[in-house]
Amino acid sequence: MSEHVIEVSDSSFEKDVLQSDKPVLVDFWAQWCAPCRMLAPTVEAVAEKYAGSASVVKLNVDDNPAVSQRYGIKGIPTLILFKGNKEVERVVGATSKEAISRMIDKHIGTAAGA
């Protein structure tokens, strides 16, 4: 995990994600998931790119079943972008840094780093 990506849990999700004043990208993942591990460097690069304008967090679905269930996580990796206390975008499966950046850019008002 990098300095730009924090780990959240069932107990910290409300404060770290839903109460955030900026968009938050949540990476739903698990240790045993090969595509999740392949996506990790991409997620970290996105976190570095948007440091200051958006937050990026990871939630381990095995350790945090309540939030995973609440958002209907069926397959991982799943990336969900939250803004203003609600889900605004969702991508299931591995994706590119560019696709994630476009998703975030739509919700931060400016094309940061583009």
PDB file of N, CA and C in Angstrom:
ATOM      1  N   MET A   1       0.837  -1.178   0.000  1.00  0.00           N
ATOM      2  CA  MET A   1       0.000   0.000   0.000  1.00  0.00           C
ATOM      3  C   MET A   1       0.890   1.253   0.000  1.00  0.00           C
ATOM      4  N   SER A   2       0.459   2.244  -0.736  1.00  0.00           N
ATOM      5  CA  SER A   2       1.269   3.459  -0.838  1.00  0.00           C
ATOM      6  C   SER A   2       0.799   4.497   0.173  1.00  0.00           C
ATOM      7  N   GLU A   3       1.510   5.600   0.231  1.00  0.00           N
ATOM      8  CA  GLU A   3       1.123   6.670   1.146  1.00  0.00           C
ATOM      9  C   GLU A   3      -0.177   7.329   0.713  1.00  0.00           C
ATOM     10  N   HIS A   4      -0.591   7.141  -0.548  1.00  0.00           N
ATOM     11  CA  HIS A   4      -1.790   7.798  -1.075  1.00  0.00           C
ATOM     12  C   HIS A   4      -3.047   6.922  -0.983  1.00  0.00           C
ATOM     13  N   VAL A   5      -2.871   5.646  -0.673  1.00  0.00           N
ATOM     14  CA  VAL A   5      -4.002   4.721  -0.595  1.00  0.00           C
ATOM     15  C   VAL A   5      -4.133   4.245   0.845  1.00  0.00           C
ATOM     16  N   ILE A   6      -5.326   4.437   1.419  1.00  0.00           N
ATOM     17  CA  ILE A   6      -5.525   3.951   2.785  1.00  0.00           C
ATOM     18  C   ILE A   6      -6.484   2.769   2.774  1.00  0.00           C
ATOM     19  N   GLU A   7      -6.352   1.942   3.778  1.00  0.00           N
ATOM     20  CA  GLU A   7      -7.214   0.777   3.960  1.00  0.00           C
ATOM     21  C   GLU A   7      -8.399   1.223   4.811  1.00  0.00           C
ATOM     22  N   VAL A   8      -9.614   0.930   4.357  1.00  0.00           N
ATOM     23  CA  VAL A   8     -10.799   1.233   5.160  1.00  0.00           C
ATOM     24  C   VAL A   8     -11.457  -0.074   5.569  1.00  0.00           C
ATOM     25  N   SER A   9     -12.364   0.025   6.525  1.00  0.00           N
ATOM     26  CA  SER A   9     -13.032  -1.158   7.064  1.00  0.00           C
ATOM     27  C   SER A   9     -14.525  -0.878   7.210  1.00  0.00           C
ATOM     28  N   ASP A  10     -15.254  -1.912   7.593  1.00  0.00           N
ATOM     29  CA  ASP A  10     -16.683  -1.725   7.863  1.00  0.00           C
ATOM     30  C   ASP A  10     -16.889  -0.582   8.849  1.00  0.00           C
ATOM     31  N   SER A  11     -16.022  -0.503   9.865  1.00  0.00           N
ATOM     32  CA  SER A  11     -16.217   0.502  10.915  1.00  0.00           C
ATOM     33  C   SER A  11     -15.774   1.908  10.500  1.00  0.00           C
ATOM     34  N   SER A  12     -14.825   2.032   9.571  1.00  0.00           N
ATOM     35  CA  SER A  12     -14.356   3.368   9.186  1.00  0.00           C
ATOM     36  C   SER A  12     -14.957   3.867   7.867  1.00  0.00           C
ATOM     37  N   PHE A  13     -15.733   3.034   7.188  1.00  0.00           N
ATOM     38  CA  PHE A  13     -16.252   3.370   5.859  1.00  0.00           C
ATOM     39  C   PHE A  13     -17.094   4.648   5.865  1.00  0.00           C
ATOM     40  N   GLU A  14     -17.987   4.753   6.822  1.00  0.00           N
ATOM     41  CA  GLU A  14     -18.874   5.925   6.921  1.00  0.00           C
ATOM     42  C   GLU A  14     -18.051   7.215   6.984  1.00  0.00           C
ATOM     43  N   LYS A  15     -17.077   7.258   7.885  1.00  0.00           N
ATOM     44  CA  LYS A  15     -16.271   8.458   8.087  1.00  0.00           C
ATOM     45  C   LYS A  15     -15.324   8.700   6.903  1.00  0.00           C
ATOM     46  N   ASP A  16     -14.599   7.667   6.472  1.00  0.00           N
ATOM     47  CA  ASP A  16     -13.564   7.844   5.450  1.00  0.00           C
ATOM     48  C   ASP A  16     -14.113   8.002   4.036  1.00  0.00           C
ATOM     49  N   VAL A  17     -15.280   7.437   3.772  1.00  0.00           N
ATOM     50  CA  VAL A  17     -15.815   7.465   2.410  1.00  0.00           C
ATOM     51  C   VAL A  17     -17.062   8.331   2.314  1.00  0.00           C
ATOM     52  N   LEU A  18     -18.096   7.981   3.037  1.00  0.00           N
ATOM     53  CA  LEU A  18     -19.382   8.654   2.874  1.00  0.00           C
ATOM     54  C   LEU A  18     -19.375  10.091   3.394  1.00  0.00           C
ATOM     55  N   GLN A  19     -18.563  10.386   4.392  1.00  0.00           N
ATOM     56  CA  GLN A  19     -18.524  11.752   4.937  1.00  0.00           C
ATOM     57  C   GLN A  19     -17.398  12.600   4.336  1.00  0.00           C
ATOM     58  N   SER A  20     -16.696  12.071   3.347  1.00  0.00           N
ATOM     59  CA  SER A  20     -15.598  12.817   2.735  1.00  0.00           C
ATOM     60  C   SER A  20     -16.139  14.007   1.950  1.00  0.00           C
ATOM     61  N   ASP A  21     -15.384  15.112   1.960  1.00  0.00           N
ATOM     62  CA  ASP A  21     -15.814  16.302   1.225  1.00  0.00           C
ATOM     63  C   ASP A  21     -15.313  16.286  -0.224  1.00  0.00           C
ATOM     64  N   LYS A  22     -14.596  15.217  -0.610  1.00  0.00           N
ATOM     65  CA  LYS A  22     -14.169  15.080  -1.998  1.00  0.00           C
ATOM     66  C   LYS A  22     -14.505  13.677  -2.485  1.00  0.00           C
ATOM     67  N   PRO A  23     -14.501  13.454  -3.796  1.00  0.00           N
ATOM     68  CA  PRO A  23     -14.809  12.114  -4.305  1.00  0.00           C
ATOM     69  C   PRO A  23     -13.842  11.074  -3.735  1.00  0.00           C
ATOM     70  N   VAL A  24     -14.358   9.863  -3.509  1.00  0.00           N
ATOM     71  CA  VAL A  24     -13.541   8.768  -2.979  1.00  0.00           C
ATOM     72  C   VAL A  24     -13.719   7.547  -3.869  1.00  0.00           C
ATOM     73  N   LEU A  25     -12.604   7.036  -4.385  1.00  0.00           N
ATOM     74  CA  LEU A  25     -12.606   5.802  -5.167  1.00  0.00           C
ATOM     75  C   LEU A  25     -12.314   4.657  -4.210  1.00  0.00           C
ATOM     76  N   VAL A  26     -13.228   3.682  -4.160  1.00  0.00           N
ATOM     77  CA  VAL A  26     -13.054   2.523  -3.286  1.00  0.00           C
ATOM     78  C   VAL A  26     -12.730   1.312  -4.146  1.00  0.00           C
ATOM     79  N   ASP A  27     -11.604   0.681  -3.839  1.00  0.00           N
ATOM     80  CA  ASP A  27     -11.179  -0.542  -4.506  1.00  0.00           C
ATOM     81  C   ASP A  27     -11.574  -1.711  -3.617  1.00  0.00           C
ATOM     82  N   PHE A  28     -12.614  -2.455  -4.033  1.00  0.00           N
ATOM     83  CA  PHE A  28     -13.042  -3.653  -3.303  1.00  0.00           C
ATOM     84  C   PHE A  28     -12.178  -4.802  -3.817  1.00  0.00           C
ATOM     85  N   TRP A  29     -11.428  -5.454  -2.924  1.00  0.00           N
ATOM     86  CA  TRP A  29     -10.444  -6.447  -3.339  1.00  0.00           C
ATOM     87  C   TRP A  29     -10.307  -7.540  -2.283  1.00  0.00           C
ATOM     88  N   ALA A  30      -9.491  -8.555  -2.608  1.00  0.00           N
ATOM     89  CA  ALA A  30      -9.128  -9.600  -1.648  1.00  0.00           C
ATOM     90  C   ALA A  30      -7.710 -10.064  -1.954  1.00  0.00           C
ATOM     91  N   GLN A  31      -7.027 -10.539  -0.938  1.00  0.00           N
ATOM     92  CA  GLN A  31      -5.636 -10.968  -1.066  1.00  0.00           C
ATOM     93  C   GLN A  31      -5.470 -12.086  -2.090  1.00  0.00           C
ATOM     94  N   TRP A  32      -6.417 -13.008  -2.159  1.00  0.00           N
ATOM     95  CA  TRP A  32      -6.317 -14.177  -3.035  1.00  0.00           C
ATOM     96  C   TRP A  32      -6.662 -13.870  -4.493  1.00  0.00           C
ATOM     97  N   CYS A  33      -7.132 -12.675  -4.774  1.00  0.00           N
ATOM     98  CA  CYS A  33      -7.636 -12.299  -6.104  1.00  0.00           C
ATOM     99  C   CYS A  33      -6.486 -11.797  -6.996  1.00  0.00           C
ATOM    100  N   ALA A  34      -6.100 -12.616  -7.991  1.00  0.00           N
ATOM    101  CA  ALA A  34      -4.993 -12.238  -8.887  1.00  0.00           C
ATOM    102  C   ALA A  34      -5.284 -10.943  -9.668  1.00  0.00           C
ATOM    103  N   PRO A  35      -6.478 -10.777 -10.273  1.00  0.00           N
ATOM    104  CA  PRO A  35      -6.750  -9.509 -10.971  1.00  0.00           C
ATOM    105  C   PRO A  35      -6.684  -8.296 -10.030  1.00  0.00           C
ATOM    106  N   CYS A  36      -7.056  -8.489  -8.763  1.00  0.00           N
ATOM    107  CA  CYS A  36      -6.971  -7.397  -7.772  1.00  0.00           C
ATOM    108  C   CYS A  36      -5.517  -6.993  -7.568  1.00  0.00           C
ATOM    109  N   ARG A  37      -4.645  -7.986  -7.446  1.00  0.00           N
ATOM    110  CA  ARG A  37      -3.221  -7.694  -7.247  1.00  0.00           C
ATOM    111  C   ARG A  37      -2.628  -7.045  -8.496  1.00  0.00           C
ATOM    112  N   MET A  38      -3.090  -7.452  -9.672  1.00  0.00           N
ATOM    113  CA  MET A  38      -2.607  -6.841 -10.916  1.00  0.00           C
ATOM    114  C   MET A  38      -3.059  -5.381 -11.019  1.00  0.00           C
ATOM    115  N   LEU A  39      -4.245  -5.078 -10.505  1.00  0.00           N
ATOM    116  CA  LEU A  39      -4.799  -3.730 -10.579  1.00  0.00           C
ATOM    117  C   LEU A  39      -4.173  -2.789  -9.537  1.00  0.00           C
ATOM    118  N   ALA A  40      -3.587  -3.341  -8.482  1.00  0.00           N
ATOM    119  CA  ALA A  40      -3.069  -2.531  -7.371  1.00  0.00           C
ATOM    120  C   ALA A  40      -2.116  -1.414  -7.801  1.00  0.00           C
ATOM    121  N   PRO A  41      -1.115  -1.670  -8.674  1.00  0.00           N
ATOM    122  CA  PRO A  41      -0.230  -0.560  -9.080  1.00  0.00           C
ATOM    123  C   PRO A  41      -0.981   0.548  -9.826  1.00  0.00           C
ATOM    124  N   THR A  42      -1.997   0.173 -10.590  1.00  0.00           N
ATOM    125  CA  THR A  42      -2.816   1.152 -11.310  1.00  0.00           C
ATOM    126  C   THR A  42      -3.575   2.021 -10.317  1.00  0.00           C
ATOM    127  N   VAL A  43      -4.176   1.381  -9.322  1.00  0.00           N
ATOM    128  CA  VAL A  43      -4.930   2.108  -8.295  1.00  0.00           C
ATOM    129  C   VAL A  43      -4.000   3.061  -7.543  1.00  0.00           C
ATOM    130  N   GLU A  44      -2.787   2.611  -7.251  1.00  0.00           N
ATOM    131  CA  GLU A  44      -1.835   3.465  -6.541  1.00  0.00           C
ATOM    132  C   GLU A  44      -1.402   4.648  -7.408  1.00  0.00           C
ATOM    133  N   ALA A  45      -1.231   4.423  -8.706  1.00  0.00           N
ATOM    134  CA  ALA A  45      -0.863   5.520  -9.619  1.00  0.00           C
ATOM    135  C   ALA A  45      -1.982   6.553  -9.694  1.00  0.00           C
ATOM    136  N   VAL A  46      -3.223   6.091  -9.724  1.00  0.00           N
ATOM    137  CA  VAL A  46      -4.380   6.994  -9.739  1.00  0.00           C
ATOM    138  C   VAL A  46      -4.434   7.796  -8.432  1.00  0.00           C
ATOM    139  N   ALA A  47      -4.175   7.126  -7.323  1.00  0.00           N
ATOM    140  CA  ALA A  47      -4.195   7.799  -6.018  1.00  0.00           C
ATOM    141  C   ALA A  47      -3.159   8.911  -5.976  1.00  0.00           C
ATOM    142  N   GLU A  48      -1.987   8.638  -6.526  1.00  0.00           N
ATOM    143  CA  GLU A  48      -0.925   9.646  -6.545  1.00  0.00           C
ATOM    144  C   GLU A  48      -1.324  10.823  -7.442  1.00  0.00           C
ATOM    145  N   LYS A  49      -1.892  10.505  -8.607  1.00  0.00           N
ATOM    146  CA  LYS A  49      -2.295  11.537  -9.566  1.00  0.00           C
ATOM    147  C   LYS A  49      -3.344  12.482  -8.977  1.00  0.00           C
ATOM    148  N   TYR A  50      -4.292  11.935  -8.211  1.00  0.00           N
ATOM    149  CA  TYR A  50      -5.405  12.735  -7.701  1.00  0.00           C
ATOM    150  C   TYR A  50      -5.250  13.142  -6.239  1.00  0.00           C
ATOM    151  N   ALA A  51      -4.076  12.943  -5.676  1.00  0.00           N
ATOM    152  CA  ALA A  51      -3.851  13.339  -4.276  1.00  0.00           C
ATOM    153  C   ALA A  51      -4.253  14.810  -4.127  1.00  0.00           C
ATOM    154  N   GLY A  52      -5.139  15.083  -3.192  1.00  0.00           N
ATOM    155  CA  GLY A  52      -5.594  16.457  -2.991  1.00  0.00           C
ATOM    156  C   GLY A  52      -6.967  16.734  -3.567  1.00  0.00           C
ATOM    157  N   SER A  53      -7.306  16.101  -4.708  1.00  0.00           N
ATOM    158  CA  SER A  53      -8.616  16.370  -5.304  1.00  0.00           C
ATOM    159  C   SER A  53      -9.592  15.204  -5.160  1.00  0.00           C
ATOM    160  N   ALA A  54      -9.060  14.008  -4.894  1.00  0.00           N
ATOM    161  CA  ALA A  54      -9.898  12.828  -4.661  1.00  0.00           C
ATOM    162  C   ALA A  54      -9.118  11.881  -3.756  1.00  0.00           C
ATOM    163  N   SER A  55      -9.834  11.040  -3.043  1.00  0.00           N
ATOM    164  CA  SER A  55      -9.190  10.041  -2.181  1.00  0.00           C
ATOM    165  C   SER A  55      -9.335   8.677  -2.823  1.00  0.00           C
ATOM    166  N   VAL A  56      -8.383   7.814  -2.544  1.00  0.00           N
ATOM    167  CA  VAL A  56      -8.447   6.429  -3.016  1.00  0.00           C
ATOM    168  C   VAL A  56      -8.223   5.531  -1.807  1.00  0.00           C
ATOM    169  N   VAL A  57      -9.160   4.587  -1.621  1.00  0.00           N
ATOM    170  CA  VAL A  57      -9.079   3.670  -0.486  1.00  0.00           C
ATOM    171  C   VAL A  57      -9.295   2.239  -0.971  1.00  0.00           C
ATOM    172  N   LYS A  58      -8.837   1.287  -0.170  1.00  0.00           N
ATOM    173  CA  LYS A  58      -9.043  -0.126  -0.470  1.00  0.00           C
ATOM    174  C   LYS A  58      -9.861  -0.747   0.653  1.00  0.00           C
ATOM    175  N   LEU A  59     -10.776  -1.643   0.273  1.00  0.00           N
ATOM    176  CA  LEU A  59     -11.573  -2.350   1.263  1.00  0.00           C
ATOM    177  C   LEU A  59     -11.481  -3.845   0.959  1.00  0.00           C
ATOM    178  N   ASN A  60     -10.933  -4.611   1.902  1.00  0.00           N
ATOM    179  CA  ASN A  60     -10.797  -6.052   1.744  1.00  0.00           C
ATOM    180  C   ASN A  60     -12.166  -6.699   1.982  1.00  0.00           C
ATOM    181  N   VAL A  61     -12.719  -7.336   0.943  1.00  0.00           N
ATOM    182  CA  VAL A  61     -14.080  -7.882   1.038  1.00  0.00           C
ATOM    183  C   VAL A  61     -14.175  -9.048   2.018  1.00  0.00           C
ATOM    184  N   ASP A  62     -13.076  -9.794   2.198  1.00  0.00           N
ATOM    185  CA  ASP A  62     -13.093 -10.919   3.140  1.00  0.00           C
ATOM    186  C   ASP A  62     -13.157 -10.434   4.584  1.00  0.00           C
ATOM    187  N   ASP A  63     -12.479  -9.324   4.862  1.00  0.00           N
ATOM    188  CA  ASP A  63     -12.423  -8.804   6.228  1.00  0.00           C
ATOM    189  C   ASP A  63     -13.571  -7.854   6.562  1.00  0.00           C
ATOM    190  N   ASN A  64     -14.299  -7.392   5.536  1.00  0.00           N
ATOM    191  CA  ASN A  64     -15.338  -6.368   5.730  1.00  0.00           C
ATOM    192  C   ASN A  64     -16.613  -6.724   4.973  1.00  0.00           C
ATOM    193  N   PRO A  65     -17.295  -7.772   5.423  1.00  0.00           N
ATOM    194  CA  PRO A  65     -18.480  -8.245   4.690  1.00  0.00           C
ATOM    195  C   PRO A  65     -19.672  -7.290   4.699  1.00  0.00           C
ATOM    196  N   ALA A  66     -19.813  -6.459   5.727  1.00  0.00           N
ATOM    197  CA  ALA A  66     -20.999  -5.595   5.827  1.00  0.00           C
ATOM    198  C   ALA A  66     -21.048  -4.581   4.686  1.00  0.00           C
ATOM    199  N   VAL A  67     -19.956  -3.846   4.456  1.00  0.00           N
ATOM    200  CA  VAL A  67     -19.937  -2.849   3.381  1.00  0.00           C
ATOM    201  C   VAL A  67     -20.027  -3.543   2.025  1.00  0.00           C
ATOM    202  N   SER A  68     -19.324  -4.648   1.870  1.00  0.00           N
ATOM    203  CA  SER A  68     -19.356  -5.392   0.604  1.00  0.00           C
ATOM    204  C   SER A  68     -20.778  -5.817   0.260  1.00  0.00           C
ATOM    205  N   GLN A  69     -21.498  -6.301   1.265  1.00  0.00           N
ATOM    206  CA  GLN A  69     -22.888  -6.722   1.076  1.00  0.00           C
ATOM    207  C   GLN A  69     -23.782  -5.525   0.768  1.00  0.00           C
ATOM    208  N   ARG A  70     -23.589  -4.454   1.499  1.00  0.00           N
ATOM    209  CA  ARG A  70     -24.402  -3.240   1.345  1.00  0.00           C
ATOM    210  C   ARG A  70     -24.372  -2.720  -0.095  1.00  0.00           C
ATOM    211  N   TYR A  71     -23.204  -2.830  -0.745  1.00  0.00           N
ATOM    212  CA  TYR A  71     -23.070  -2.328  -2.105  1.00  0.00           C
ATOM    213  C   TYR A  71     -23.127  -3.435  -3.156  1.00  0.00           C
ATOM    214  N   GLY A  72     -23.554  -4.619  -2.745  1.00  0.00           N
ATOM    215  CA  GLY A  72     -23.795  -5.702  -3.692  1.00  0.00           C
ATOM    216  C   GLY A  72     -22.568  -6.132  -4.474  1.00  0.00           C
ATOM    217  N   ILE A  73     -21.433  -6.218  -3.791  1.00  0.00           N
ATOM    218  CA  ILE A  73     -20.207  -6.622  -4.470  1.00  0.00           C
ATOM    219  C   ILE A  73     -20.280  -8.116  -4.763  1.00  0.00           C
ATOM    220  N   LYS A  74     -20.352  -8.453  -6.054  1.00  0.00           N
ATOM    221  CA  LYS A  74     -20.463  -9.858  -6.480  1.00  0.00           C
ATOM    222  C   LYS A  74     -19.145 -10.369  -7.045  1.00  0.00           C
ATOM    223  N   GLY A  75     -18.404  -9.491  -7.717  1.00  0.00           N
ATOM    224  CA  GLY A  75     -17.125  -9.875  -8.297  1.00  0.00           C
ATOM    225  C   GLY A  75     -16.080  -8.844  -7.946  1.00  0.00           C
ATOM    226  N   ILE A  76     -14.837  -9.295  -7.858  1.00  0.00           N
ATOM    227  CA  ILE A  76     -13.752  -8.364  -7.563  1.00  0.00           C
ATOM    228  C   ILE A  76     -12.655  -8.547  -8.601  1.00  0.00           C
ATOM    229  N   PRO A  77     -11.890  -7.525  -8.891  1.00  0.00           N
ATOM    230  CA  PRO A  77     -11.963  -6.206  -8.281  1.00  0.00           C
ATOM    231  C   PRO A  77     -13.195  -5.424  -8.742  1.00  0.00           C
ATOM    232  N   THR A  78     -13.750  -4.645  -7.844  1.00  0.00           N
ATOM    233  CA  THR A  78     -14.802  -3.681  -8.164  1.00  0.00           C
ATOM    234  C   THR A  78     -14.331  -2.324  -7.667  1.00  0.00           C
ATOM    235  N   LEU A  79     -14.403  -1.331  -8.532  1.00  0.00           N
ATOM    236  CA  LEU A  79     -14.070   0.042  -8.157  1.00  0.00           C
ATOM    237  C   LEU A  79     -15.356   0.842  -8.132  1.00  0.00           C
ATOM    238  N   ILE A  80     -15.631   1.506  -7.022  1.00  0.00           N
ATOM    239  CA  ILE A  80     -16.813   2.357  -6.912  1.00  0.00           C
ATOM    240  C   ILE A  80     -16.354   3.757  -6.534  1.00  0.00           C
ATOM    241  N   LEU A  81     -16.839   4.738  -7.273  1.00  0.00           N
ATOM    242  CA  LEU A  81     -16.549   6.133  -6.960  1.00  0.00           C
ATOM    243  C   LEU A  81     -17.732   6.709  -6.199  1.00  0.00           C
ATOM    244  N   PHE A  82     -17.450   7.229  -5.023  1.00  0.00           N
ATOM    245  CA  PHE A  82     -18.475   7.853  -4.185  1.00  0.00           C
ATOM    246  C   PHE A  82     -18.273   9.358  -4.201  1.00  0.00           C
ATOM    247  N   LYS A  83     -19.372  10.085  -4.254  1.00  0.00           N
ATOM    248  CA  LYS A  83     -19.320  11.543  -4.154  1.00  0.00           C
ATOM    249  C   LYS A  83     -20.586  11.994  -3.448  1.00  0.00           C
ATOM    250  N   GLY A  84     -20.417  12.888  -2.486  1.00  0.00           N
ATOM    251  CA  GLY A  84     -21.588  13.400  -1.766  1.00  0.00           C
ATOM    252  C   GLY A  84     -22.413  12.312  -1.130  1.00  0.00           C
ATOM    253  N   ASN A  85     -21.757  11.343  -0.485  1.00  0.00           N
ATOM    254  CA  ASN A  85     -22.439  10.310   0.285  1.00  0.00           C
ATOM    255  C   ASN A  85     -23.098   9.224  -0.556  1.00  0.00           C
ATOM    256  N   LYS A  86     -22.883   9.213  -1.903  1.00  0.00           N
ATOM    257  CA  LYS A  86     -23.528   8.158  -2.684  1.00  0.00           C
ATOM    258  C   LYS A  86     -22.641   7.669  -3.831  1.00  0.00           C
ATOM    259  N   GLU A  87     -22.959   6.470  -4.298  1.00  0.00           N
ATOM    260  CA  GLU A  87     -22.237   5.874  -5.420  1.00  0.00           C
ATOM    261  C   GLU A  87     -22.577   6.635  -6.699  1.00  0.00           C
ATOM    262  N   VAL A  88     -21.543   7.039  -7.458  1.00  0.00           N
ATOM    263  CA  VAL A  88     -21.781   7.751  -8.712  1.00  0.00           C
ATOM    264  C   VAL A  88     -21.247   7.001  -9.937  1.00  0.00           C
ATOM    265  N   GLU A  89     -20.289   6.094  -9.746  1.00  0.00           N
ATOM    266  CA  GLU A  89     -19.733   5.299 -10.846  1.00  0.00           C
ATOM    267  C   GLU A  89     -19.284   3.960 -10.294  1.00  0.00           C
ATOM    268  N   ARG A  90     -19.304   2.933 -11.177  1.00  0.00           N
ATOM    269  CA  ARG A  90     -18.845   1.601 -10.769  1.00  0.00           C
ATOM    270  C   ARG A  90     -18.206   0.898 -11.961  1.00  0.00           C
ATOM    271  N   VAL A  91     -17.069   0.249 -11.702  1.00  0.00           N
ATOM    272  CA  VAL A  91     -16.397  -0.571 -12.709  1.00  0.00           C
ATOM    273  C   VAL A  91     -16.091  -1.914 -12.067  1.00  0.00           C
ATOM    274  N   VAL A  92     -16.508  -3.005 -12.725  1.00  0.00           N
ATOM    275  CA  VAL A  92     -16.207  -4.337 -12.223  1.00  0.00           C
ATOM    276  C   VAL A  92     -15.145  -4.951 -13.131  1.00  0.00           C
ATOM    277  N   GLY A  93     -14.091  -5.477 -12.508  1.00  0.00           N
ATOM    278  CA  GLY A  93     -13.005  -6.086 -13.262  1.00  0.00           C
ATOM    279  C   GLY A  93     -11.843  -5.137 -13.420  1.00  0.00           C
ATOM    280  N   ALA A  94     -10.741  -5.686 -13.891  1.00  0.00           N
ATOM    281  CA  ALA A  94      -9.538  -4.876 -14.092  1.00  0.00           C
ATOM    282  C   ALA A  94      -9.803  -3.848 -15.191  1.00  0.00           C
ATOM    283  N   THR A  95      -9.229  -2.673 -15.044  1.00  0.00           N
ATOM    284  CA  THR A  95      -9.427  -1.593 -16.006  1.00  0.00           C
ATOM    285  C   THR A  95      -8.144  -0.775 -16.099  1.00  0.00           C
ATOM    286  N   SER A  96      -8.127   0.197 -16.967  1.00  0.00           N
ATOM    287  CA  SER A  96      -6.910   0.985 -17.182  1.00  0.00           C
ATOM    288  C   SER A  96      -6.876   2.236 -16.319  1.00  0.00           C
ATOM    289  N   LYS A  97      -5.679   2.778 -16.153  1.00  0.00           N
ATOM    290  CA  LYS A  97      -5.515   4.037 -15.430  1.00  0.00           C
ATOM    291  C   LYS A  97      -6.303   5.142 -16.123  1.00  0.00           C
ATOM    292  N   GLU A  98      -6.300   5.133 -17.456  1.00  0.00           N
ATOM    293  CA  GLU A  98      -7.014   6.157 -18.228  1.00  0.00           C
ATOM    294  C   GLU A  98      -8.518   6.095 -17.958  1.00  0.00           C
ATOM    295  N   ALA A  99      -9.066   4.880 -17.937  1.00  0.00           N
ATOM    296  CA  ALA A  99     -10.507   4.726 -17.696  1.00  0.00           C
ATOM    297  C   ALA A  99     -10.878   5.200 -16.292  1.00  0.00           C
ATOM    298  N   ILE A 100     -10.053   4.868 -15.314  1.00  0.00           N
ATOM    299  CA  ILE A 100     -10.312   5.304 -13.942  1.00  0.00           C
ATOM    300  C   ILE A 100     -10.193   6.829 -13.860  1.00  0.00           C
ATOM    301  N   SER A 101      -9.191   7.387 -14.533  1.00  0.00           N
ATOM    302  CA  SER A 101      -8.991   8.846 -14.522  1.00  0.00           C
ATOM    303  C   SER A 101     -10.185   9.568 -15.130  1.00  0.00           C
ATOM    304  N   ARG A 102     -10.703   9.061 -16.229  1.00  0.00           N
ATOM    305  CA  ARG A 102     -11.887   9.688 -16.865  1.00  0.00           C
ATOM    306  C   ARG A 102     -13.067   9.664 -15.907  1.00  0.00           C
ATOM    307  N   MET A 103     -13.233   8.551 -15.211  1.00  0.00           N
ATOM    308  CA  MET A 103     -14.331   8.399 -14.266  1.00  0.00           C
ATOM    309  C   MET A 103     -14.215   9.463 -13.162  1.00  0.00           C
ATOM    310  N   ILE A 104     -13.017   9.635 -12.614  1.00  0.00           N
ATOM    311  CA  ILE A 104     -12.811  10.612 -11.541  1.00  0.00           C
ATOM    312  C   ILE A 104     -12.941  12.039 -12.072  1.00  0.00           C
ATOM    313  N   ASP A 105     -12.353  12.299 -13.252  1.00  0.00           N
ATOM    314  CA  ASP A 105     -12.400  13.648 -13.840  1.00  0.00           C
ATOM    315  C   ASP A 105     -13.829  14.162 -13.965  1.00  0.00           C
ATOM    316  N   LYS A 106     -14.757  13.278 -14.303  1.00  0.00           N
ATOM    317  CA  LYS A 106     -16.158  13.684 -14.474  1.00  0.00           C
ATOM    318  C   LYS A 106     -16.748  14.239 -13.185  1.00  0.00           C
ATOM    319  N   HIS A 107     -16.178  13.846 -12.053  1.00  0.00           N
ATOM    320  CA  HIS A 107     -16.797  14.168 -10.766  1.00  0.00           C
ATOM    321  C   HIS A 107     -15.999  15.145  -9.910  1.00  0.00           C
ATOM    322  N   ILE A 108     -14.853  15.593 -10.386  1.00  0.00           N
ATOM    323  CA  ILE A 108     -14.104  16.565  -9.583  1.00  0.00           C
ATOM    324  C   ILE A 108     -14.202  17.961 -10.166  1.00  0.00           C
ATOM    325  N   GLY A 109     -14.886  18.084 -11.297  1.00  0.00           N
ATOM    326  CA  GLY A 109     -15.130  19.406 -11.847  1.00  0.00           C
ATOM    327  C   GLY A 109     -14.030  19.915 -12.751  1.00  0.00           C
ATOM    328  N   THR A 110     -12.801  19.412 -12.548  1.00  0.00           N
ATOM    329  CA  THR A 110     -11.705  19.812 -13.419  1.00  0.00           C
ATOM    330  C   THR A 110     -10.979  18.564 -13.873  1.00  0.00           C
ATOM    331  N   ALA A 111     -10.333  18.631 -14.981  1.00  0.00           N
ATOM    332  CA  ALA A 111      -9.565  17.481 -15.486  1.00  0.00           C
ATOM    333  C   ALA A 111      -8.171  17.531 -14.871  1.00  0.00           C
ATOM    334  N   ALA A 112      -8.066  17.085 -13.649  1.00  0.00           N
ATOM    335  CA  ALA A 112      -6.782  17.143 -12.940  1.00  0.00           C
ATOM    336  C   ALA A 112      -5.748  16.290 -13.641  1.00  0.00           C
ATOM    337  N   GLY A 113      -4.631  16.888 -13.943  1.00  0.00           N
ATOM    338  CA  GLY A 113      -3.526  16.149 -14.515  1.00  0.00           C
ATOM    339  C   GLY A 113      -3.732  15.716 -15.945  1.00  0.00           C
ATOM    340  N   ALA A 114      -4.814  16.125 -16.569  1.00  0.00           N
ATOM    341  CA  ALA A 114      -5.092  15.663 -17.936  1.00  0.00           C
ATOM    342  C   ALA A 114      -4.447  16.607 -18.946  1.00  0.00           C
TER     343      ALA A 114
END
